[in-house]
Amino acid sequence: MHIKINSDQPMKSPKMQILQLDEKLNEIDKRIAH
């Protein structure tokens, strides 16, 4: 299975997107907790 990398967005790998989502969810959790 070949993964095509878009040269315009080299950092937009699925793993990076998941990490960014995790950070956003953590921020929301902190807002709800406080």
PDB file of N, CA and C in Angstrom:
ATOM      1  N   MET A   1       0.851  -1.197   0.000  1.00  0.00           N
ATOM      2  CA  MET A   1       0.000   0.000   0.000  1.00  0.00           C
ATOM      3  C   MET A   1       0.882   1.241   0.000  1.00  0.00           C
ATOM      4  N   HIS A   2       0.771   2.037  -1.051  1.00  0.00           N
ATOM      5  CA  HIS A   2       1.619   3.216  -1.193  1.00  0.00           C
ATOM      6  C   HIS A   2       0.883   4.454  -0.690  1.00  0.00           C
ATOM      7  N   ILE A   3       1.554   5.208   0.165  1.00  0.00           N
ATOM      8  CA  ILE A   3       0.952   6.429   0.709  1.00  0.00           C
ATOM      9  C   ILE A   3       1.515   7.634  -0.036  1.00  0.00           C
ATOM     10  N   LYS A   4       0.644   8.401  -0.646  1.00  0.00           N
ATOM     11  CA  LYS A   4       1.073   9.586  -1.393  1.00  0.00           C
ATOM     12  C   LYS A   4       1.155  10.776  -0.439  1.00  0.00           C
ATOM     13  N   ILE A   5       2.314  11.411  -0.413  1.00  0.00           N
ATOM     14  CA  ILE A   5       2.519  12.553   0.483  1.00  0.00           C
ATOM     15  C   ILE A   5       2.355  13.849  -0.306  1.00  0.00           C
ATOM     16  N   ASN A   6       1.526  14.732   0.188  1.00  0.00           N
ATOM     17  CA  ASN A   6       1.313  16.020  -0.462  1.00  0.00           C
ATOM     18  C   ASN A   6       2.447  16.960  -0.071  1.00  0.00           C
ATOM     19  N   SER A   7       3.222  17.393  -1.065  1.00  0.00           N
ATOM     20  CA  SER A   7       4.394  18.231  -0.790  1.00  0.00           C
ATOM     21  C   SER A   7       3.994  19.578  -0.186  1.00  0.00           C
ATOM     22  N   ASP A   8       2.739  20.005  -0.422  1.00  0.00           N
ATOM     23  CA  ASP A   8       2.284  21.283   0.125  1.00  0.00           C
ATOM     24  C   ASP A   8       2.103  21.208   1.640  1.00  0.00           C
ATOM     25  N   GLN A   9       1.770  20.035   2.145  1.00  0.00           N
ATOM     26  CA  GLN A   9       1.543  19.881   3.584  1.00  0.00           C
ATOM     27  C   GLN A   9       2.310  18.672   4.109  1.00  0.00           C
ATOM     28  N   PRO A  10       3.631  18.781   4.226  1.00  0.00           N
ATOM     29  CA  PRO A  10       4.442  17.637   4.655  1.00  0.00           C
ATOM     30  C   PRO A  10       4.175  17.227   6.101  1.00  0.00           C
ATOM     31  N   MET A  11       3.678  18.154   6.925  1.00  0.00           N
ATOM     32  CA  MET A  11       3.466  17.852   8.343  1.00  0.00           C
ATOM     33  C   MET A  11       2.063  17.311   8.608  1.00  0.00           C
ATOM     34  N   LYS A  12       1.202  17.300   7.596  1.00  0.00           N
ATOM     35  CA  LYS A  12      -0.187  16.888   7.806  1.00  0.00           C
ATOM     36  C   LYS A  12      -0.350  15.379   7.649  1.00  0.00           C
ATOM     37  N   SER A  13       0.456  14.628   8.383  1.00  0.00           N
ATOM     38  CA  SER A  13       0.289  13.176   8.374  1.00  0.00           C
ATOM     39  C   SER A  13      -0.871  12.819   9.300  1.00  0.00           C
ATOM     40  N   PRO A  14      -1.511  11.667   9.100  1.00  0.00           N
ATOM     41  CA  PRO A  14      -2.634  11.287   9.977  1.00  0.00           C
ATOM     42  C   PRO A  14      -2.261  11.322  11.451  1.00  0.00           C
ATOM     43  N   LYS A  15      -1.036  10.886  11.776  1.00  0.00           N
ATOM     44  CA  LYS A  15      -0.628  10.859  13.186  1.00  0.00           C
ATOM     45  C   LYS A  15      -0.567  12.280  13.741  1.00  0.00           C
ATOM     46  N   MET A  16      -0.056  13.221  12.950  1.00  0.00           N
ATOM     47  CA  MET A  16       0.009  14.610  13.411  1.00  0.00           C
ATOM     48  C   MET A  16      -1.399  15.162  13.620  1.00  0.00           C
ATOM     49  N   GLN A  17      -2.316  14.838  12.714  1.00  0.00           N
ATOM     50  CA  GLN A  17      -3.691  15.326  12.862  1.00  0.00           C
ATOM     51  C   GLN A  17      -4.326  14.775  14.126  1.00  0.00           C
ATOM     52  N   ILE A  18      -4.051  13.502  14.430  1.00  0.00           N
ATOM     53  CA  ILE A  18      -4.605  12.895  15.647  1.00  0.00           C
ATOM     54  C   ILE A  18      -4.022  13.578  16.881  1.00  0.00           C
ATOM     55  N   LEU A  19      -2.720  13.880  16.853  1.00  0.00           N
ATOM     56  CA  LEU A  19      -2.097  14.550  17.996  1.00  0.00           C
ATOM     57  C   LEU A  19      -2.724  15.924  18.198  1.00  0.00           C
ATOM     58  N   GLN A  20      -2.987  16.643  17.102  1.00  0.00           N
ATOM     59  CA  GLN A  20      -3.606  17.962  17.225  1.00  0.00           C
ATOM     60  C   GLN A  20      -5.013  17.837  17.798  1.00  0.00           C
ATOM     61  N   LEU A  21      -5.751  16.806  17.375  1.00  0.00           N
ATOM     62  CA  LEU A  21      -7.093  16.597  17.925  1.00  0.00           C
ATOM     63  C   LEU A  21      -7.018  16.295  19.413  1.00  0.00           C
ATOM     64  N   ASP A  22      -6.033  15.475  19.810  1.00  0.00           N
ATOM     65  CA  ASP A  22      -5.875  15.152  21.231  1.00  0.00           C
ATOM     66  C   ASP A  22      -5.631  16.419  22.042  1.00  0.00           C
ATOM     67  N   GLU A  23      -4.796  17.320  21.517  1.00  0.00           N
ATOM     68  CA  GLU A  23      -4.510  18.555  22.251  1.00  0.00           C
ATOM     69  C   GLU A  23      -5.777  19.383  22.403  1.00  0.00           C
ATOM     70  N   LYS A  24      -6.578  19.472  21.336  1.00  0.00           N
ATOM     71  CA  LYS A  24      -7.820  20.246  21.409  1.00  0.00           C
ATOM     72  C   LYS A  24      -8.782  19.619  22.411  1.00  0.00           C
ATOM     73  N   LEU A  25      -8.886  18.290  22.400  1.00  0.00           N
ATOM     74  CA  LEU A  25      -9.783  17.620  23.344  1.00  0.00           C
ATOM     75  C   LEU A  25      -9.309  17.834  24.775  1.00  0.00           C
ATOM     76  N   ASN A  26      -8.003  17.816  24.992  1.00  0.00           N
ATOM     77  CA  ASN A  26      -7.475  18.039  26.336  1.00  0.00           C
ATOM     78  C   ASN A  26      -7.816  19.452  26.807  1.00  0.00           C
ATOM     79  N   GLU A  27      -7.726  20.434  25.909  1.00  0.00           N
ATOM     80  CA  GLU A  27      -8.064  21.807  26.287  1.00  0.00           C
ATOM     81  C   GLU A  27      -9.539  21.893  26.668  1.00  0.00           C
ATOM     82  N   ILE A  28     -10.397  21.229  25.899  1.00  0.00           N
ATOM     83  CA  ILE A  28     -11.835  21.250  26.198  1.00  0.00           C
ATOM     84  C   ILE A  28     -12.094  20.570  27.541  1.00  0.00           C
ATOM     85  N   ASP A  29     -11.413  19.447  27.793  1.00  0.00           N
ATOM     86  CA  ASP A  29     -11.586  18.750  29.077  1.00  0.00           C
ATOM     87  C   ASP A  29     -11.211  19.663  30.235  1.00  0.00           C
ATOM     88  N   LYS A  30     -10.137  20.426  30.085  1.00  0.00           N
ATOM     89  CA  LYS A  30      -9.706  21.324  31.162  1.00  0.00           C
ATOM     90  C   LYS A  30     -10.761  22.404  31.404  1.00  0.00           C
ATOM     91  N   ARG A  31     -11.353  22.926  30.319  1.00  0.00           N
ATOM     92  CA  ARG A  31     -12.377  23.965  30.468  1.00  0.00           C
ATOM     93  C   ARG A  31     -13.599  23.408  31.194  1.00  0.00           C
ATOM     94  N   ILE A  32     -13.981  22.176  30.850  1.00  0.00           N
ATOM     95  CA  ILE A  32     -15.158  21.579  31.490  1.00  0.00           C
ATOM     96  C   ILE A  32     -14.858  21.279  32.959  1.00  0.00           C
ATOM     97  N   ALA A  33     -13.634  20.843  33.245  1.00  0.00           N
ATOM     98  CA  ALA A  33     -13.277  20.452  34.613  1.00  0.00           C
ATOM     99  C   ALA A  33     -13.262  21.665  35.540  1.00  0.00           C
ATOM    100  N   HIS A  34     -12.888  22.836  35.000  1.00  0.00           N
ATOM    101  CA  HIS A  34     -12.737  23.995  35.882  1.00  0.00           C
ATOM    102  C   HIS A  34     -13.972  24.865  35.941  1.00  0.00           C
TER     103      HIS A  34
END
